[in-house]
Amino acid sequence: MAINRVLSTHAKTWGCEENETMPLLLFVQRARQLLLHTSSLLCRSDRAAPFTICREINYLVRQQKETPHSSTSANIRLLLDELRESLRGDIIATELIGDRLTYISESLISENDINNQLEAAQILKNRLAQKRYFDQSSEEIIKIIISGGREKEKLIKLTEGFIAGIRDAGYPAQTIYHLLNVSFLDKTRTPMDAKSRLDKFFSNFDLKKHSYTVYFGISGIASGVSETFASIGSAIYKRASIDAENILEKFPATTKRFFNEHDWESIVCFEKVQALDPQSARQLSERRLRLLDDLLKFSIHSQRFFIENPAVVSIEGKDGSPVHSNRPRPPVLRVPHDPTGIEKDTLLQFSSIFRMSEAGSVNRFIRALELHGTALSAPEDESQLLNIWIAFETLFVRRGDTSKIKEILNAVDPYISGRWISYEFAELWSEIVASHLAQWNETVEKFPELKTGENHYGFSAAISIKKYEIPMTDFLKKTGLQPTT
């Protein structure tokens, strides 16, 4: 894995020992790759942490004891398969479970003794207790880095396991990414050795809920409803009020500029919000605000209040600057798209399809488009997923005795597989353009059919077609990569 040049410039201010710098850079870069939505899908690892899978198994076993059902047993088997797959890439989890995995697996799939299943599920969960897992992971990461990073592949695996674990524990990607930047990319920080810097970073994830105060600017409150804010554990103050002025006066100048970025009519304050981190506290508070807005719409249909994006979060009982919190961008909007938009030919193609299609098909397609649009504007991940799935269901008419879900999967699978292969080629091609374009142009000089401009089609053909095997092998040798069969 090549180290990003921008990250390398920050490393000069760390104050680490020379042999610690490169492995620490590798840890920071891999962690950022796992969190950035702009990272290549080939670089991201979206597997669930073993503890999360164990928690699901534990829940299903208890559910099976209360209400036995064949589908629950089947789901336990599927989760065990997922756990084994997750353990292959997780060194710490494998060590914590030790030699009990075979016994636990056999006990969980044995349907004769539910109490034995419960015991096995609890053993599994206890072995992978989150605090033990994170403590051991952080110790191993520090040990490898301060010893010079000779176990590079192990460091990458440990980093992937740690990031997956803290995300599954409830820390948002936005929080983890912010703490990475503050801990490693802030040039104003005091120089310190790798162990001290890492200890400070890991200490942010103590798995304990803290008490926060959250402030929002809102507008459009209907008259006579201000008192209802107390029902969601908040207080509201008009902008011109003494209370609002007192709150703003406590903010540092930078925080005040951030909060006043947009005009707002009232300030809403939530106190004693229990959450793992500031961003989670903001999300919990904003969800309460939206719930109150939905409740008020029962009687005031035409008016809803507007919640400004900038929010300020401070931790109670601790000194320090408040956290500036922006609303996270919905995951569904992070998907790469064609910046040139829909071309005229594409719209004409849609029109011709509509003309040739029956009315029912056209109506289903229109409804699916509407649901997709609703998903893009939904604030919660659950609502986005639900609307996109309903859009899929709307496109299909159930035929035969199979379930609609199976029909959708059978229809979508070839498309997704094809798109994924194309995506992999495109990502590899972008790497060639960034680092090895001169060698590529030299290699394809005798093959004009492979010169396809900026797109990856020529590169895809060179990899896929047998007659280009020799020039592709030469190209890989020039780049310093070892050709594989």
Protein backbone atom coordinates (compact mmCIF):
# COMPACT_ATOMS: atom_id res chain seq x y z
CA MET A 1 0.00 0.00 0.00
CA ALA A 2 1.58 3.29 -1.16
CA ILE A 3 1.53 6.05 1.46
CA ASN A 4 -0.37 9.22 0.54
CA ARG A 5 2.01 12.17 0.05
CA VAL A 6 -0.26 14.62 1.89
CA LEU A 7 -0.25 12.35 4.96
CA SER A 8 3.54 12.12 4.78
CA THR A 9 3.87 15.89 5.20
CA HIS A 10 1.88 15.73 8.46
CA ALA A 11 4.14 12.96 9.78
CA LYS A 12 7.06 15.39 9.90
CA THR A 13 5.38 17.21 12.83
CA TRP A 14 4.57 14.11 14.90
CA GLY A 15 7.84 13.85 16.80
CA CYS A 16 7.97 10.05 16.47
CA GLU A 17 11.06 7.89 16.26
CA GLU A 18 12.14 7.38 12.64
CA ASN A 19 11.28 3.67 12.63
CA GLU A 20 7.77 4.41 14.02
CA THR A 21 6.72 6.93 11.36
CA MET A 22 6.00 4.63 8.40
CA PRO A 23 3.92 2.04 10.31
CA LEU A 24 1.98 4.85 12.02
CA LEU A 25 1.33 6.40 8.61
CA LEU A 26 0.10 3.02 7.38
CA PHE A 27 -2.32 2.76 10.34
CA VAL A 28 -3.71 6.29 9.77
CA GLN A 29 -4.06 5.83 6.00
CA ARG A 30 -5.81 2.44 6.26
CA ALA A 31 -8.18 3.76 8.93
CA ARG A 32 -9.08 6.79 6.78
CA GLN A 33 -9.64 4.57 3.74
CA LEU A 34 -12.14 2.49 5.70
CA LEU A 35 -14.10 5.59 6.74
CA LEU A 36 -14.03 7.85 3.67
CA HIS A 37 -17.02 7.38 1.38
CA THR A 38 -14.82 8.48 -1.55
CA SER A 39 -12.46 5.51 -1.01
CA SER A 40 -12.51 2.82 -3.65
CA LEU A 41 -14.82 -0.06 -2.78
CA LEU A 42 -11.81 -2.30 -3.38
CA CYS A 43 -10.08 -0.59 -0.41
CA ARG A 44 -13.02 -0.70 1.96
CA SER A 45 -13.92 -3.56 4.29
CA ASP A 46 -17.60 -3.48 5.21
CA ARG A 47 -17.73 -6.72 7.19
CA ALA A 48 -19.45 -6.78 10.56
CA ALA A 49 -17.28 -7.11 13.66
CA PRO A 50 -17.32 -10.62 15.23
CA PHE A 51 -18.84 -9.27 18.47
CA THR A 52 -21.81 -7.84 16.52
CA ILE A 53 -22.43 -11.21 14.86
CA CYS A 54 -22.17 -12.93 18.27
CA ARG A 55 -24.73 -10.52 19.71
CA GLU A 56 -27.12 -11.38 16.85
CA ILE A 57 -26.59 -15.11 17.42
CA ASN A 58 -27.28 -14.65 21.14
CA TYR A 59 -30.51 -12.80 20.38
CA LEU A 60 -31.69 -15.45 17.90
CA VAL A 61 -31.01 -18.31 20.33
CA ARG A 62 -33.08 -16.57 23.02
CA GLN A 63 -35.82 -15.95 20.47
CA GLN A 64 -35.74 -19.62 19.50
CA LYS A 65 -36.24 -20.62 23.14
CA GLU A 66 -39.31 -18.37 23.48
CA THR A 67 -40.81 -19.05 20.05
CA PRO A 68 -39.23 -22.00 18.20
CA HIS A 69 -39.19 -21.72 14.40
CA SER A 70 -37.24 -23.44 11.62
CA SER A 71 -36.29 -20.09 10.03
CA THR A 72 -34.55 -19.02 13.26
CA SER A 73 -32.36 -22.13 13.18
CA ALA A 74 -31.52 -21.42 9.55
CA ASN A 75 -30.57 -17.83 10.40
CA ILE A 76 -28.30 -19.04 13.22
CA ARG A 77 -26.48 -21.27 10.72
CA LEU A 78 -26.07 -18.35 8.30
CA LEU A 79 -24.69 -16.14 11.08
CA LEU A 80 -22.23 -18.88 12.09
CA ASP A 81 -20.97 -18.97 8.49
CA GLU A 82 -20.64 -15.17 8.57
CA LEU A 83 -18.78 -15.37 11.90
CA ARG A 84 -16.27 -17.87 10.51
CA GLU A 85 -15.69 -15.60 7.50
CA SER A 86 -15.23 -12.59 9.78
CA LEU A 87 -12.80 -14.49 12.02
CA ARG A 88 -10.54 -15.31 9.06
CA GLY A 89 -9.53 -11.66 8.89
CA ASP A 90 -9.63 -10.89 12.61
CA ILE A 91 -6.55 -11.96 14.57
CA ILE A 92 -7.71 -10.68 17.97
CA ALA A 93 -11.18 -12.26 17.82
CA THR A 94 -9.65 -15.60 16.82
CA GLU A 95 -7.27 -15.45 19.81
CA LEU A 96 -10.07 -14.50 22.22
CA ILE A 97 -12.30 -17.42 21.16
CA GLY A 98 -9.36 -19.81 21.12
CA ASP A 99 -10.02 -23.55 20.89
CA ARG A 100 -13.70 -23.23 21.89
CA LEU A 101 -14.97 -22.34 18.41
CA THR A 102 -15.61 -25.94 17.32
CA TYR A 103 -17.50 -26.74 20.54
CA ILE A 104 -19.53 -23.49 20.32
CA SER A 105 -20.42 -24.09 16.64
CA GLU A 106 -21.52 -27.67 17.26
CA SER A 107 -23.59 -26.61 20.28
CA LEU A 108 -25.30 -23.79 18.39
CA ILE A 109 -26.39 -25.95 15.46
CA SER A 110 -27.55 -28.79 17.71
CA GLU A 111 -31.33 -28.38 17.95
CA ASN A 112 -31.82 -30.97 20.70
CA ASP A 113 -30.88 -28.86 23.73
CA ILE A 114 -31.85 -25.17 23.71
CA ASN A 115 -30.19 -24.58 27.10
CA ASN A 116 -26.92 -25.87 25.70
CA GLN A 117 -27.33 -23.46 22.77
CA LEU A 118 -27.91 -20.56 25.17
CA GLU A 119 -24.79 -21.45 27.14
CA ALA A 120 -22.69 -21.65 23.96
CA ALA A 121 -24.03 -18.32 22.69
CA GLN A 122 -23.22 -16.65 26.02
CA ILE A 123 -19.69 -18.11 26.06
CA LEU A 124 -19.15 -16.74 22.56
CA LYS A 125 -20.41 -13.29 23.52
CA ASN A 126 -18.33 -13.19 26.73
CA ARG A 127 -15.16 -14.27 24.92
CA LEU A 128 -15.55 -11.36 22.49
CA ALA A 129 -16.53 -8.71 25.05
CA GLN A 130 -15.98 -5.34 23.36
CA LYS A 131 -13.74 -3.83 26.05
CA ARG A 132 -11.39 -6.84 26.00
CA TYR A 133 -11.37 -6.82 22.21
CA PHE A 134 -10.54 -3.09 21.90
CA ASP A 135 -7.91 -3.17 24.65
CA GLN A 136 -6.12 -6.13 23.06
CA SER A 137 -6.43 -4.65 19.54
CA SER A 138 -4.98 -1.29 20.57
CA GLU A 139 -2.13 -2.97 22.49
CA GLU A 140 -1.20 -5.08 19.44
CA ILE A 141 -1.36 -2.08 17.07
CA ILE A 142 0.92 -0.03 19.35
CA LYS A 143 3.31 -2.97 19.79
CA ILE A 144 3.75 -3.42 16.01
CA ILE A 145 4.17 0.31 15.33
CA ILE A 146 6.77 1.02 18.04
CA SER A 147 8.75 -2.07 16.99
CA GLY A 148 9.18 -0.63 13.49
CA GLY A 149 6.16 -2.11 11.70
CA ARG A 150 7.77 -5.27 10.40
CA GLU A 151 4.41 -7.12 10.51
CA LYS A 152 2.75 -4.91 7.92
CA GLU A 153 -0.06 -7.27 6.90
CA LYS A 154 -0.93 -7.96 10.54
CA LEU A 155 -1.08 -4.21 11.23
CA ILE A 156 -3.52 -3.74 8.32
CA LYS A 157 -5.75 -6.59 9.58
CA LEU A 158 -5.71 -5.21 13.14
CA THR A 159 -6.63 -1.74 11.86
CA GLU A 160 -9.54 -3.14 9.86
CA GLY A 161 -10.81 -5.10 12.86
CA PHE A 162 -10.53 -2.12 15.20
CA ILE A 163 -12.37 0.29 12.87
CA ALA A 164 -15.12 -2.27 12.15
CA GLY A 165 -15.48 -2.89 15.89
CA ILE A 166 -15.83 0.73 17.02
CA ARG A 167 -18.29 1.44 14.21
CA ASP A 168 -20.41 -1.52 15.27
CA ALA A 169 -20.11 -0.36 18.89
CA GLY A 170 -22.02 2.79 17.91
CA TYR A 171 -19.38 5.39 17.05
CA PRO A 172 -20.34 7.13 13.76
CA ALA A 173 -17.83 7.17 10.90
CA GLN A 174 -17.93 10.98 11.04
CA THR A 175 -16.73 10.96 14.68
CA ILE A 176 -13.93 8.43 14.08
CA TYR A 177 -12.73 10.32 11.00
CA HIS A 178 -12.76 13.64 12.91
CA LEU A 179 -10.74 12.11 15.78
CA LEU A 180 -8.20 10.69 13.30
CA ASN A 181 -7.72 14.15 11.80
CA VAL A 182 -7.46 15.83 15.21
CA SER A 183 -5.02 13.22 16.53
CA PHE A 184 -2.74 12.84 13.51
CA LEU A 185 -3.30 15.67 10.99
CA ASP A 186 -3.38 18.72 13.27
CA LYS A 187 0.03 20.41 12.84
CA THR A 188 -0.56 22.63 15.90
CA ARG A 189 -0.46 19.65 18.27
CA THR A 190 2.50 19.07 20.58
CA PRO A 191 5.03 16.58 19.15
CA MET A 192 4.96 13.20 20.92
CA ASP A 193 6.11 9.65 20.34
CA ALA A 194 3.93 7.09 18.56
CA LYS A 195 2.77 5.31 21.74
CA SER A 196 1.62 8.53 23.44
CA ARG A 197 -0.17 9.71 20.31
CA LEU A 198 -1.92 6.37 19.80
CA ASP A 199 -2.85 6.08 23.49
CA LYS A 200 -4.51 9.50 23.28
CA PHE A 201 -6.41 8.49 20.12
CA PHE A 202 -7.59 5.14 21.54
CA SER A 203 -8.71 6.78 24.81
CA ASN A 204 -11.52 8.51 22.88
CA PHE A 205 -13.29 5.14 22.53
CA ASP A 206 -14.03 4.19 26.13
CA LEU A 207 -17.46 2.66 25.28
CA LYS A 208 -19.03 4.85 27.98
CA LYS A 209 -21.92 7.23 27.48
CA HIS A 210 -21.18 10.85 28.40
CA SER A 211 -23.51 13.74 29.16
CA TYR A 212 -23.71 16.40 26.43
CA THR A 213 -25.46 19.72 25.82
CA VAL A 214 -26.62 20.24 22.22
CA TYR A 215 -27.66 23.54 20.61
CA PHE A 216 -29.63 24.00 17.37
CA GLY A 217 -30.80 27.09 15.52
CA ILE A 218 -34.39 26.68 14.20
CA SER A 219 -36.96 28.79 12.36
CA GLY A 220 -40.66 28.65 11.50
CA ILE A 221 -42.08 27.80 14.93
CA ALA A 222 -45.85 28.24 14.98
CA SER A 223 -47.15 30.54 17.69
CA GLY A 224 -48.28 28.89 20.92
CA VAL A 225 -46.25 25.68 20.57
CA SER A 226 -42.99 26.70 22.28
CA GLU A 227 -44.09 25.06 25.53
CA THR A 228 -44.21 21.65 23.86
CA PHE A 229 -40.40 21.60 23.54
CA ALA A 230 -40.15 20.65 27.22
CA SER A 231 -41.84 17.34 26.32
CA ILE A 232 -38.70 16.26 24.41
CA GLY A 233 -36.30 17.43 27.13
CA SER A 234 -35.35 20.73 25.53
CA ALA A 235 -35.75 24.46 26.04
CA ILE A 236 -36.33 27.07 23.34
CA TYR A 237 -35.35 30.76 23.42
CA LYS A 238 -36.07 33.52 20.91
CA ARG A 239 -32.96 34.97 19.26
CA ALA A 240 -33.46 38.40 20.84
CA SER A 241 -33.97 37.00 24.36
CA ILE A 242 -31.49 37.42 27.24
CA ASP A 243 -31.21 33.61 27.56
CA ALA A 244 -30.17 33.24 23.92
CA GLU A 245 -27.62 36.04 24.27
CA ASN A 246 -26.16 34.39 27.37
CA ILE A 247 -25.75 31.07 25.53
CA LEU A 248 -24.04 32.72 22.56
CA GLU A 249 -21.74 34.72 24.84
CA LYS A 250 -20.34 31.46 26.26
CA PHE A 251 -19.34 30.27 22.77
CA PRO A 252 -15.78 30.97 21.56
CA ALA A 253 -15.60 33.38 18.60
CA THR A 254 -15.07 30.57 16.05
CA THR A 255 -18.05 28.63 17.44
CA LYS A 256 -20.25 31.73 17.33
CA ARG A 257 -19.36 32.30 13.65
CA PHE A 258 -20.08 28.64 12.86
CA PHE A 259 -23.46 28.67 14.65
CA ASN A 260 -24.53 32.00 13.12
CA GLU A 261 -23.65 30.91 9.58
CA HIS A 262 -27.39 31.05 8.74
CA ASP A 263 -30.19 33.20 10.09
CA TRP A 264 -32.34 31.48 12.70
CA GLU A 265 -35.26 32.65 14.81
CA SER A 266 -34.83 30.57 18.00
CA ILE A 267 -32.20 28.50 19.74
CA VAL A 268 -33.09 25.05 21.08
CA CYS A 269 -31.03 23.57 23.89
CA PHE A 270 -30.92 19.89 24.91
CA GLU A 271 -29.20 19.18 28.23
CA LYS A 272 -27.89 15.93 29.71
CA VAL A 273 -28.04 14.01 26.41
CA GLN A 274 -26.49 10.59 27.06
CA ALA A 275 -24.38 9.40 24.13
CA LEU A 276 -21.04 7.82 23.22
CA ASP A 277 -19.78 10.90 21.37
CA PRO A 278 -20.79 14.44 20.28
CA GLN A 279 -22.05 13.41 16.84
CA SER A 280 -24.29 10.70 18.33
CA ALA A 281 -25.61 13.28 20.83
CA ARG A 282 -26.46 15.59 17.94
CA GLN A 283 -28.23 12.80 16.03
CA LEU A 284 -30.29 11.76 19.08
CA SER A 285 -31.34 15.36 19.74
CA GLU A 286 -32.18 16.09 16.12
CA ARG A 287 -34.30 12.95 15.96
CA ARG A 288 -36.31 14.23 18.93
CA LEU A 289 -36.78 17.57 17.18
CA ARG A 290 -38.04 15.85 14.02
CA LEU A 291 -40.38 13.68 16.09
CA LEU A 292 -41.85 16.79 17.71
CA ASP A 293 -42.26 18.38 14.27
CA ASP A 294 -44.14 15.29 13.04
CA LEU A 295 -46.29 15.35 16.18
CA LEU A 296 -47.20 19.03 15.72
CA LYS A 297 -48.22 18.36 12.12
CA PHE A 298 -51.22 16.42 13.41
CA SER A 299 -52.82 19.74 14.28
CA ILE A 300 -50.77 22.27 12.25
CA HIS A 301 -50.56 20.58 8.84
CA SER A 302 -49.23 23.41 6.73
CA GLN A 303 -46.28 24.54 8.83
CA ARG A 304 -43.14 22.74 9.91
CA PHE A 305 -40.09 24.26 11.49
CA PHE A 306 -36.67 24.31 9.85
CA ILE A 307 -33.59 22.92 11.66
CA GLU A 308 -30.34 24.59 10.62
CA ASN A 309 -27.43 22.30 9.75
CA PRO A 310 -24.79 23.76 12.14
CA ALA A 311 -25.15 22.47 15.70
CA VAL A 312 -22.89 22.97 18.71
CA VAL A 313 -22.17 20.15 21.17
CA SER A 314 -20.36 20.52 24.50
CA ILE A 315 -19.55 17.78 27.00
CA GLU A 316 -20.79 18.52 30.51
CA GLY A 317 -18.24 18.75 33.29
CA LYS A 318 -15.22 19.13 30.99
CA ASP A 319 -13.35 22.18 29.79
CA GLY A 320 -12.47 22.62 26.15
CA SER A 321 -13.88 24.01 22.96
CA PRO A 322 -17.36 22.83 21.93
CA VAL A 323 -17.63 20.50 18.95
CA HIS A 324 -18.91 21.99 15.68
CA SER A 325 -21.33 19.40 14.28
CA ASN A 326 -22.61 19.23 10.71
CA ARG A 327 -25.38 16.90 9.63
CA PRO A 328 -23.80 13.80 8.01
CA ARG A 329 -24.46 13.40 4.32
CA PRO A 330 -26.93 10.54 3.74
CA PRO A 331 -25.08 7.40 2.57
CA VAL A 332 -27.35 7.07 -0.45
CA LEU A 333 -26.07 10.44 -1.71
CA ARG A 334 -22.42 9.41 -1.42
CA VAL A 335 -22.57 6.98 -4.32
CA PRO A 336 -20.40 8.16 -7.25
CA HIS A 337 -22.43 9.36 -10.22
CA ASP A 338 -21.84 10.70 -13.69
CA PRO A 339 -21.09 14.44 -13.25
CA THR A 340 -22.20 15.20 -16.80
CA GLY A 341 -25.78 14.20 -15.97
CA ILE A 342 -28.28 12.40 -18.21
CA GLU A 343 -27.53 12.80 -21.89
CA LYS A 344 -30.19 13.59 -24.48
CA ASP A 345 -29.82 10.12 -26.04
CA THR A 346 -30.55 8.50 -22.67
CA LEU A 347 -33.77 10.48 -22.27
CA LEU A 348 -34.81 9.56 -25.81
CA GLN A 349 -34.14 5.91 -25.00
CA PHE A 350 -36.40 6.18 -21.94
CA SER A 351 -39.12 7.75 -24.10
CA SER A 352 -38.98 4.93 -26.65
CA ILE A 353 -39.18 2.31 -23.88
CA PHE A 354 -42.25 4.05 -22.45
CA ARG A 355 -43.97 4.10 -25.83
CA MET A 356 -43.42 0.38 -26.32
CA SER A 357 -44.33 -0.65 -22.77
CA GLU A 358 -47.70 -1.43 -21.33
CA ALA A 359 -49.29 1.08 -18.97
CA GLY A 360 -48.72 -1.10 -15.90
CA SER A 361 -44.96 -1.30 -16.51
CA VAL A 362 -44.69 2.45 -17.03
CA ASN A 363 -46.65 3.16 -13.84
CA ARG A 364 -44.42 0.80 -11.85
CA PHE A 365 -41.33 2.51 -13.21
CA ILE A 366 -42.68 5.97 -12.35
CA ARG A 367 -43.55 4.82 -8.82
CA ALA A 368 -40.03 3.37 -8.41
CA LEU A 369 -38.54 6.72 -9.49
CA GLU A 370 -40.68 8.53 -6.91
CA LEU A 371 -39.56 6.15 -4.15
CA HIS A 372 -35.93 6.59 -5.19
CA GLY A 373 -36.36 10.37 -4.95
CA THR A 374 -37.93 9.98 -1.49
CA ALA A 375 -34.95 7.87 -0.39
CA LEU A 376 -32.51 10.59 -1.46
CA SER A 377 -34.20 13.14 0.79
CA ALA A 378 -34.89 10.86 3.80
CA PRO A 379 -32.81 11.88 6.86
CA GLU A 380 -32.53 8.40 8.44
CA ASP A 381 -30.57 5.46 7.00
CA GLU A 382 -33.47 3.12 7.77
CA SER A 383 -35.92 5.22 5.72
CA GLN A 384 -33.48 5.39 2.80
CA LEU A 385 -33.01 1.61 2.74
CA LEU A 386 -36.73 0.94 3.11
CA ASN A 387 -37.72 3.27 0.26
CA ILE A 388 -35.06 1.89 -2.08
CA TRP A 389 -36.14 -1.68 -1.32
CA ILE A 390 -39.82 -0.82 -1.93
CA ALA A 391 -38.73 0.79 -5.23
CA PHE A 392 -37.16 -2.57 -6.19
CA GLU A 393 -40.31 -4.46 -5.19
CA THR A 394 -42.46 -2.05 -7.20
CA LEU A 395 -40.59 -2.88 -10.41
CA PHE A 396 -41.33 -6.60 -10.19
CA VAL A 397 -44.58 -8.51 -10.63
CA ARG A 398 -44.60 -11.77 -8.72
CA ARG A 399 -44.76 -14.83 -10.96
CA GLY A 400 -45.14 -18.43 -9.90
CA ASP A 401 -44.77 -19.80 -6.39
CA THR A 402 -41.37 -18.27 -5.54
CA SER A 403 -41.14 -15.34 -3.16
CA LYS A 404 -40.84 -11.82 -4.53
CA ILE A 405 -37.55 -11.36 -2.66
CA LYS A 406 -36.05 -14.38 -4.47
CA GLU A 407 -37.30 -13.09 -7.83
CA ILE A 408 -35.72 -9.69 -7.19
CA LEU A 409 -32.40 -11.24 -6.16
CA ASN A 410 -32.34 -13.51 -9.22
CA ALA A 411 -33.03 -10.54 -11.52
CA VAL A 412 -30.62 -8.09 -9.88
CA ASP A 413 -27.68 -10.45 -9.27
CA PRO A 414 -26.39 -10.62 -12.91
CA TYR A 415 -26.59 -6.82 -13.20
CA ILE A 416 -24.71 -6.22 -9.94
CA SER A 417 -22.07 -8.84 -10.83
CA GLY A 418 -21.48 -7.22 -14.22
CA ARG A 419 -21.32 -3.73 -12.74
CA TRP A 420 -18.91 -4.89 -10.04
CA ILE A 421 -16.50 -6.37 -12.63
CA SER A 422 -16.67 -3.14 -14.63
CA TYR A 423 -16.07 -1.15 -11.42
CA GLU A 424 -12.96 -3.22 -10.60
CA PHE A 425 -11.54 -2.61 -14.08
CA ALA A 426 -12.24 1.13 -13.79
CA GLU A 427 -10.54 1.34 -10.37
CA LEU A 428 -7.47 -0.55 -11.62
CA TRP A 429 -7.33 1.71 -14.66
CA SER A 430 -7.40 4.83 -12.47
CA GLU A 431 -4.35 3.44 -10.63
CA ILE A 432 -2.57 2.90 -13.96
CA VAL A 433 -3.33 6.46 -15.08
CA ALA A 434 -2.11 7.88 -11.75
CA SER A 435 1.15 5.92 -11.49
CA HIS A 436 2.07 3.95 -14.64
CA LEU A 437 0.62 5.74 -17.68
CA ALA A 438 3.97 6.09 -19.49
CA GLN A 439 4.67 2.34 -19.22
CA TRP A 440 1.14 1.57 -20.39
CA ASN A 441 1.41 3.82 -23.47
CA GLU A 442 4.73 2.20 -24.34
CA THR A 443 3.23 -1.28 -23.97
CA VAL A 444 0.19 -0.66 -26.23
CA GLU A 445 2.13 1.19 -28.94
CA LYS A 446 1.84 -1.89 -31.21
CA PHE A 447 -1.84 -2.43 -30.36
CA PRO A 448 -3.83 0.62 -31.53
CA GLU A 449 -7.11 -1.16 -30.71
CA LEU A 450 -6.22 -0.90 -27.01
CA LYS A 451 -5.87 2.90 -27.16
CA THR A 452 -9.34 3.91 -25.97
CA GLY A 453 -8.58 7.34 -24.54
CA GLU A 454 -9.55 8.06 -20.96
CA ASN A 455 -11.85 5.07 -20.41
CA HIS A 456 -10.80 1.63 -19.14
CA TYR A 457 -12.11 -0.53 -22.00
CA GLY A 458 -8.73 -1.09 -23.67
CA PHE A 459 -7.16 -2.04 -20.34
CA SER A 460 -10.07 -4.43 -19.64
CA ALA A 461 -9.55 -6.09 -23.03
CA ALA A 462 -5.81 -6.43 -22.43
CA ILE A 463 -6.45 -8.26 -19.16
CA SER A 464 -9.27 -10.46 -20.45
CA ILE A 465 -8.15 -11.58 -23.92
CA LYS A 466 -5.55 -14.35 -24.29
CA LYS A 467 -3.62 -12.77 -27.19
CA TYR A 468 -2.55 -9.84 -24.99
CA GLU A 469 -1.04 -12.07 -22.29
CA ILE A 470 2.61 -11.44 -23.29
CA PRO A 471 2.40 -7.61 -23.55
CA MET A 472 0.44 -7.46 -20.29
CA THR A 473 3.12 -9.58 -18.56
CA ASP A 474 5.80 -7.18 -19.87
CA PHE A 475 3.76 -4.23 -18.64
CA LEU A 476 3.46 -5.69 -15.12
CA LYS A 477 7.22 -6.30 -15.02
CA LYS A 478 7.87 -2.65 -15.95
CA THR A 479 5.63 -1.45 -13.13
CA GLY A 480 7.47 -3.63 -10.63
CA LEU A 481 4.44 -5.86 -10.06
CA GLN A 482 4.66 -9.64 -10.28
CA PRO A 483 2.33 -11.13 -12.93
CA THR A 484 0.14 -13.90 -11.55
CA THR A 485 -1.57 -16.75 -13.37
